[in-house]
Each structure stands twice: as C-alpha cells, then as structure tokens.
Amino acid sequence: VTIFFNTHYMDEADLYADDIAIIDQGKVVARGTSEELKHSVGGEIISFTLENFQSESWLLEEIRRLKLVRGVFMENKDLNILVDDAESSLPCITDFLKSKALSVNRISITKPTLDDVFLKYTGGRLEEKGRISDVRQVRYMIRRG
C-alpha cells in the first residue's frame, strides 16, 4: 500500500514518511529516506549567535572557503556552519570569527534535521520569497475545484 501526503512541517515528514521527496518550484530536488536525506547534508551544524551581526555575503563566502567548512547558512540571526566534526572544527572557526572582530554570544552543536535538508536543496525557507502565499493560493484553487 502506498499513501501520498504532503506537508510543510519537516518534523511530520520525519515522523510519518518512509520515503521523502523535497520539491522546489515543482521539481523534485532530493528524494530518499529521512536518514538518507540527513546523511546527504552530513556532519554537524555549529550555530553561532553573534552580537550585532548583519549577514554579509562576503563574510559568508570567506567562511565557506575555510578548509573544514562544508556549508554556511543563516537562520534567523544565527550563523550556521556545517562541518564534518564540530569538536575539531570549532577552534579554527572561532579564531576566524575573532579575526573579523565578531563577538560570539552563544554556540550550539546539532545534527542535521530535515529542515536543514530543505535549506540545502532549496536555498531557503518555505516562508521566504512569498512561497507561503503561493501555497495558500494553490490550496484555495484546489478547494474551488
């Protein structure tokens, strides 16, 4: 038996789905089990809450070029850096941030979630770029028949 369902809540997909497809603008950009998709992001995520930080694209590019860094993305006001091993990468990254006169208020380390998978493959959150209004419009049109 196969049941299709869609959701914008990644924790629902993680909990209920055996096979997950990430769709961006009508195209399947990633597909697999929850664990396979999380593994495709890989490593660990070091989240930095920085004092008075403005997301600067040049700075994010410099961080991406660091040897131990696999990816960088902003989430709210947190700077998230994807690495293979957080423990060994942390000193290098904090030294880099200090060299740029950035003050760290908080650091946390997590494993990738399906939200992180979504970010990796779509480049943004569902709420960005008016996407949520697009979803509501499609739902409205479907209900109208």
C-alpha atoms as a PDB file:
ATOM      1  CA  VAL A   1       0.000   0.000   0.000  1.00  0.00           C
ATOM      2  CA  THR A   2       1.298   3.434  -0.943  1.00  0.00           C
ATOM      3  CA  ILE A   3      -0.062   6.611   0.590  1.00  0.00           C
ATOM      4  CA  PHE A   4       0.986  10.042  -0.637  1.00  0.00           C
ATOM      5  CA  PHE A   5       0.726  13.046   1.625  1.00  0.00           C
ATOM      6  CA  ASN A   6       2.273  16.466   1.540  1.00  0.00           C
ATOM      7  CA  THR A   7       3.353  18.671   4.391  1.00  0.00           C
ATOM      8  CA  HIS A   8       5.352  21.772   5.032  1.00  0.00           C
ATOM      9  CA  TYR A   9       6.271  20.540   8.504  1.00  0.00           C
ATOM     10  CA  MET A  10       9.519  18.647   8.216  1.00  0.00           C
ATOM     11  CA  ASP A  11       9.061  17.002  11.625  1.00  0.00           C
ATOM     12  CA  GLU A  12       5.815  15.417  10.313  1.00  0.00           C
ATOM     13  CA  ALA A  13       7.636  14.047   7.288  1.00  0.00           C
ATOM     14  CA  ASP A  14      10.414  12.751   9.550  1.00  0.00           C
ATOM     15  CA  LEU A  15       7.919  11.018  11.818  1.00  0.00           C
ATOM     16  CA  TYR A  16       5.454   9.531   9.318  1.00  0.00           C
ATOM     17  CA  ALA A  17       7.120   9.074   5.929  1.00  0.00           C
ATOM     18  CA  ASP A  18       9.242   6.145   4.785  1.00  0.00           C
ATOM     19  CA  ASP A  19      10.276   7.933   1.587  1.00  0.00           C
ATOM     20  CA  ILE A  20      10.522  11.727   1.311  1.00  0.00           C
ATOM     21  CA  ALA A  21      10.801  13.964  -1.724  1.00  0.00           C
ATOM     22  CA  ILE A  22      11.826  17.620  -1.433  1.00  0.00           C
ATOM     23  CA  ILE A  23      10.086  19.625  -4.155  1.00  0.00           C
ATOM     24  CA  ASP A  24      11.204  23.121  -5.103  1.00  0.00           C
ATOM     25  CA  GLN A  25       9.198  25.115  -7.624  1.00  0.00           C
ATOM     26  CA  GLY A  26       7.569  21.976  -8.997  1.00  0.00           C
ATOM     27  CA  LYS A  27      10.751  19.908  -9.343  1.00  0.00           C
ATOM     28  CA  VAL A  28      11.942  17.057  -7.136  1.00  0.00           C
ATOM     29  CA  VAL A  29      15.359  18.212  -5.923  1.00  0.00           C
ATOM     30  CA  ALA A  30      16.031  15.397  -3.422  1.00  0.00           C
ATOM     31  CA  ARG A  31      14.486  12.053  -2.538  1.00  0.00           C
ATOM     32  CA  GLY A  32      15.199   9.307  -0.018  1.00  0.00           C
ATOM     33  CA  THR A  33      14.517   8.125   3.495  1.00  0.00           C
ATOM     34  CA  SER A  34      14.783  10.615   6.322  1.00  0.00           C
ATOM     35  CA  GLU A  35      18.168   9.216   7.325  1.00  0.00           C
ATOM     36  CA  GLU A  36      19.481   9.220   3.743  1.00  0.00           C
ATOM     37  CA  LEU A  37      18.487  12.850   3.274  1.00  0.00           C
ATOM     38  CA  LYS A  38      20.014  13.907   6.602  1.00  0.00           C
ATOM     39  CA  HIS A  39      23.176  12.000   5.730  1.00  0.00           C
ATOM     40  CA  SER A  40      23.342  13.891   2.407  1.00  0.00           C
ATOM     41  CA  VAL A  41      23.723  17.096   4.411  1.00  0.00           C
ATOM     42  CA  GLY A  42      26.329  15.306   6.516  1.00  0.00           C
ATOM     43  CA  GLY A  43      28.324  16.217   9.561  1.00  0.00           C
ATOM     44  CA  GLU A  44      27.252  18.521  12.338  1.00  0.00           C
ATOM     45  CA  ILE A  45      25.968  22.077  12.435  1.00  0.00           C
ATOM     46  CA  ILE A  46      27.653  24.661  14.632  1.00  0.00           C
ATOM     47  CA  SER A  47      25.264  27.548  15.309  1.00  0.00           C
ATOM     48  CA  PHE A  48      26.691  30.869  16.404  1.00  0.00           C
ATOM     49  CA  THR A  49      24.586  33.666  17.832  1.00  0.00           C
ATOM     50  CA  LEU A  50      26.706  36.722  17.147  1.00  0.00           C
ATOM     51  CA  GLU A  51      26.430  40.128  18.761  1.00  0.00           C
ATOM     52  CA  ASN A  52      25.328  42.889  16.359  1.00  0.00           C
ATOM     53  CA  PHE A  53      25.811  40.654  13.324  1.00  0.00           C
ATOM     54  CA  GLN A  54      24.499  41.674   9.926  1.00  0.00           C
ATOM     55  CA  SER A  55      24.557  38.921   7.318  1.00  0.00           C
ATOM     56  CA  GLU A  56      27.244  39.989   4.871  1.00  0.00           C
ATOM     57  CA  SER A  57      27.610  37.886   1.733  1.00  0.00           C
ATOM     58  CA  TRP A  58      31.371  38.496   1.524  1.00  0.00           C
ATOM     59  CA  LEU A  59      31.792  37.167   5.064  1.00  0.00           C
ATOM     60  CA  LEU A  60      29.692  34.072   4.354  1.00  0.00           C
ATOM     61  CA  GLU A  61      31.829  33.418   1.267  1.00  0.00           C
ATOM     62  CA  GLU A  62      35.032  33.706   3.331  1.00  0.00           C
ATOM     63  CA  ILE A  63      33.637  31.228   5.856  1.00  0.00           C
ATOM     64  CA  ARG A  64      32.688  28.828   3.023  1.00  0.00           C
ATOM     65  CA  ARG A  65      36.320  28.871   1.884  1.00  0.00           C
ATOM     66  CA  LEU A  66      37.629  27.665   5.258  1.00  0.00           C
ATOM     67  CA  LYS A  67      39.096  24.177   4.887  1.00  0.00           C
ATOM     68  CA  LEU A  68      36.846  22.456   7.443  1.00  0.00           C
ATOM     69  CA  VAL A  69      33.569  24.076   6.343  1.00  0.00           C
ATOM     70  CA  ARG A  70      31.093  22.141   4.162  1.00  0.00           C
ATOM     71  CA  GLY A  71      28.344  24.767   4.116  1.00  0.00           C
ATOM     72  CA  VAL A  72      27.101  28.025   5.610  1.00  0.00           C
ATOM     73  CA  PHE A  73      23.582  29.388   6.005  1.00  0.00           C
ATOM     74  CA  MET A  74      21.749  31.971   8.057  1.00  0.00           C
ATOM     75  CA  GLU A  75      18.674  31.073  10.084  1.00  0.00           C
ATOM     76  CA  ASN A  76      17.003  33.985  11.806  1.00  0.00           C
ATOM     77  CA  LYS A  77      20.007  35.763  13.332  1.00  0.00           C
ATOM     78  CA  ASP A  78      22.121  32.637  13.767  1.00  0.00           C
ATOM     79  CA  LEU A  79      25.136  31.836  11.635  1.00  0.00           C
ATOM     80  CA  ASN A  80      25.040  28.077  10.936  1.00  0.00           C
ATOM     81  CA  ILE A  81      28.157  26.311   9.725  1.00  0.00           C
ATOM     82  CA  LEU A  82      28.113  22.719   8.502  1.00  0.00           C
ATOM     83  CA  VAL A  83      31.261  20.725   9.315  1.00  0.00           C
ATOM     84  CA  ASP A  84      32.250  17.055   9.413  1.00  0.00           C
ATOM     85  CA  ASP A  85      33.404  17.171  13.038  1.00  0.00           C
ATOM     86  CA  ALA A  86      32.338  20.077  15.248  1.00  0.00           C
ATOM     87  CA  GLU A  87      34.845  19.386  18.029  1.00  0.00           C
ATOM     88  CA  SER A  88      37.889  19.621  15.769  1.00  0.00           C
ATOM     89  CA  SER A  89      36.472  22.466  13.629  1.00  0.00           C
ATOM     90  CA  LEU A  90      35.372  24.776  16.431  1.00  0.00           C
ATOM     91  CA  PRO A  91      38.789  26.292  17.308  1.00  0.00           C
ATOM     92  CA  CYS A  92      39.528  27.201  13.679  1.00  0.00           C
ATOM     93  CA  ILE A  93      36.107  28.784  13.160  1.00  0.00           C
ATOM     94  CA  THR A  94      36.105  30.744  16.421  1.00  0.00           C
ATOM     95  CA  ASP A  95      39.609  32.048  15.634  1.00  0.00           C
ATOM     96  CA  PHE A  96      38.339  33.169  12.229  1.00  0.00           C
ATOM     97  CA  LEU A  97      35.333  34.945  13.775  1.00  0.00           C
ATOM     98  CA  LYS A  98      37.603  36.688  16.299  1.00  0.00           C
ATOM     99  CA  SER A  99      39.896  37.816  13.475  1.00  0.00           C
ATOM    100  CA  LYS A 100      36.855  39.542  11.912  1.00  0.00           C
ATOM    101  CA  ALA A 101      36.057  41.245  15.259  1.00  0.00           C
ATOM    102  CA  LEU A 102      32.820  39.275  15.662  1.00  0.00           C
ATOM    103  CA  SER A 103      31.648  38.655  19.206  1.00  0.00           C
ATOM    104  CA  VAL A 104      30.001  35.274  19.911  1.00  0.00           C
ATOM    105  CA  ASN A 105      27.107  35.257  22.403  1.00  0.00           C
ATOM    106  CA  ARG A 106      26.181  31.587  22.122  1.00  0.00           C
ATOM    107  CA  ILE A 107      27.361  28.392  20.411  1.00  0.00           C
ATOM    108  CA  SER A 108      25.380  25.191  19.917  1.00  0.00           C
ATOM    109  CA  ILE A 109      26.121  21.991  18.026  1.00  0.00           C
ATOM    110  CA  THR A 110      23.420  19.853  16.396  1.00  0.00           C
ATOM    111  CA  LYS A 111      22.997  17.058  13.879  1.00  0.00           C
ATOM    112  CA  PRO A 112      21.226  17.942  10.604  1.00  0.00           C
ATOM    113  CA  THR A 113      17.415  17.890  10.551  1.00  0.00           C
ATOM    114  CA  LEU A 114      15.019  17.681   7.624  1.00  0.00           C
ATOM    115  CA  ASP A 115      14.746  21.481   7.875  1.00  0.00           C
ATOM    116  CA  ASP A 116      18.480  21.613   7.150  1.00  0.00           C
ATOM    117  CA  VAL A 117      17.967  19.232   4.219  1.00  0.00           C
ATOM    118  CA  PHE A 118      15.245  21.542   2.886  1.00  0.00           C
ATOM    119  CA  LEU A 119      17.573  24.544   3.236  1.00  0.00           C
ATOM    120  CA  LYS A 120      20.398  22.748   1.455  1.00  0.00           C
ATOM    121  CA  TYR A 121      18.345  21.714  -1.555  1.00  0.00           C
ATOM    122  CA  THR A 122      16.095  24.759  -1.933  1.00  0.00           C
ATOM    123  CA  GLY A 123      18.363  27.517  -0.676  1.00  0.00           C
ATOM    124  CA  GLY A 124      15.697  28.987   1.584  1.00  0.00           C
ATOM    125  CA  ARG A 125      12.804  28.525   3.943  1.00  0.00           C
ATOM    126  CA  LEU A 126       9.245  27.940   2.794  1.00  0.00           C
ATOM    127  CA  GLU A 127       8.215  31.319   4.179  1.00  0.00           C
ATOM    128  CA  GLU A 128      10.783  33.158   2.031  1.00  0.00           C
ATOM    129  CA  LYS A 129      10.162  34.711  -1.365  1.00  0.00           C
ATOM    130  CA  GLY A 130       6.399  34.717  -0.950  1.00  0.00           C
ATOM    131  CA  ARG A 131       6.247  30.940  -1.166  1.00  0.00           C
ATOM    132  CA  ILE A 132       3.742  30.547   1.670  1.00  0.00           C
ATOM    133  CA  SER A 133       1.299  32.827  -0.161  1.00  0.00           C
ATOM    134  CA  ASP A 134       1.815  30.695  -3.275  1.00  0.00           C
ATOM    135  CA  VAL A 135       0.937  27.590  -1.261  1.00  0.00           C
ATOM    136  CA  ARG A 136      -2.211  29.233   0.092  1.00  0.00           C
ATOM    137  CA  GLN A 137      -3.227  30.260  -3.426  1.00  0.00           C
ATOM    138  CA  VAL A 138      -2.801  26.699  -4.717  1.00  0.00           C
ATOM    139  CA  ARG A 139      -4.815  25.302  -1.790  1.00  0.00           C
ATOM    140  CA  TYR A 140      -7.576  27.808  -2.497  1.00  0.00           C
ATOM    141  CA  MET A 141      -7.661  26.855  -6.183  1.00  0.00           C
ATOM    142  CA  ILE A 142      -7.779  23.130  -5.346  1.00  0.00           C
ATOM    143  CA  ARG A 143     -10.681  23.624  -2.932  1.00  0.00           C
ATOM    144  CA  ARG A 144     -12.611  25.557  -5.582  1.00  0.00           C
ATOM    145  CA  GLY A 145     -12.219  22.605  -7.910  1.00  0.00           C
END
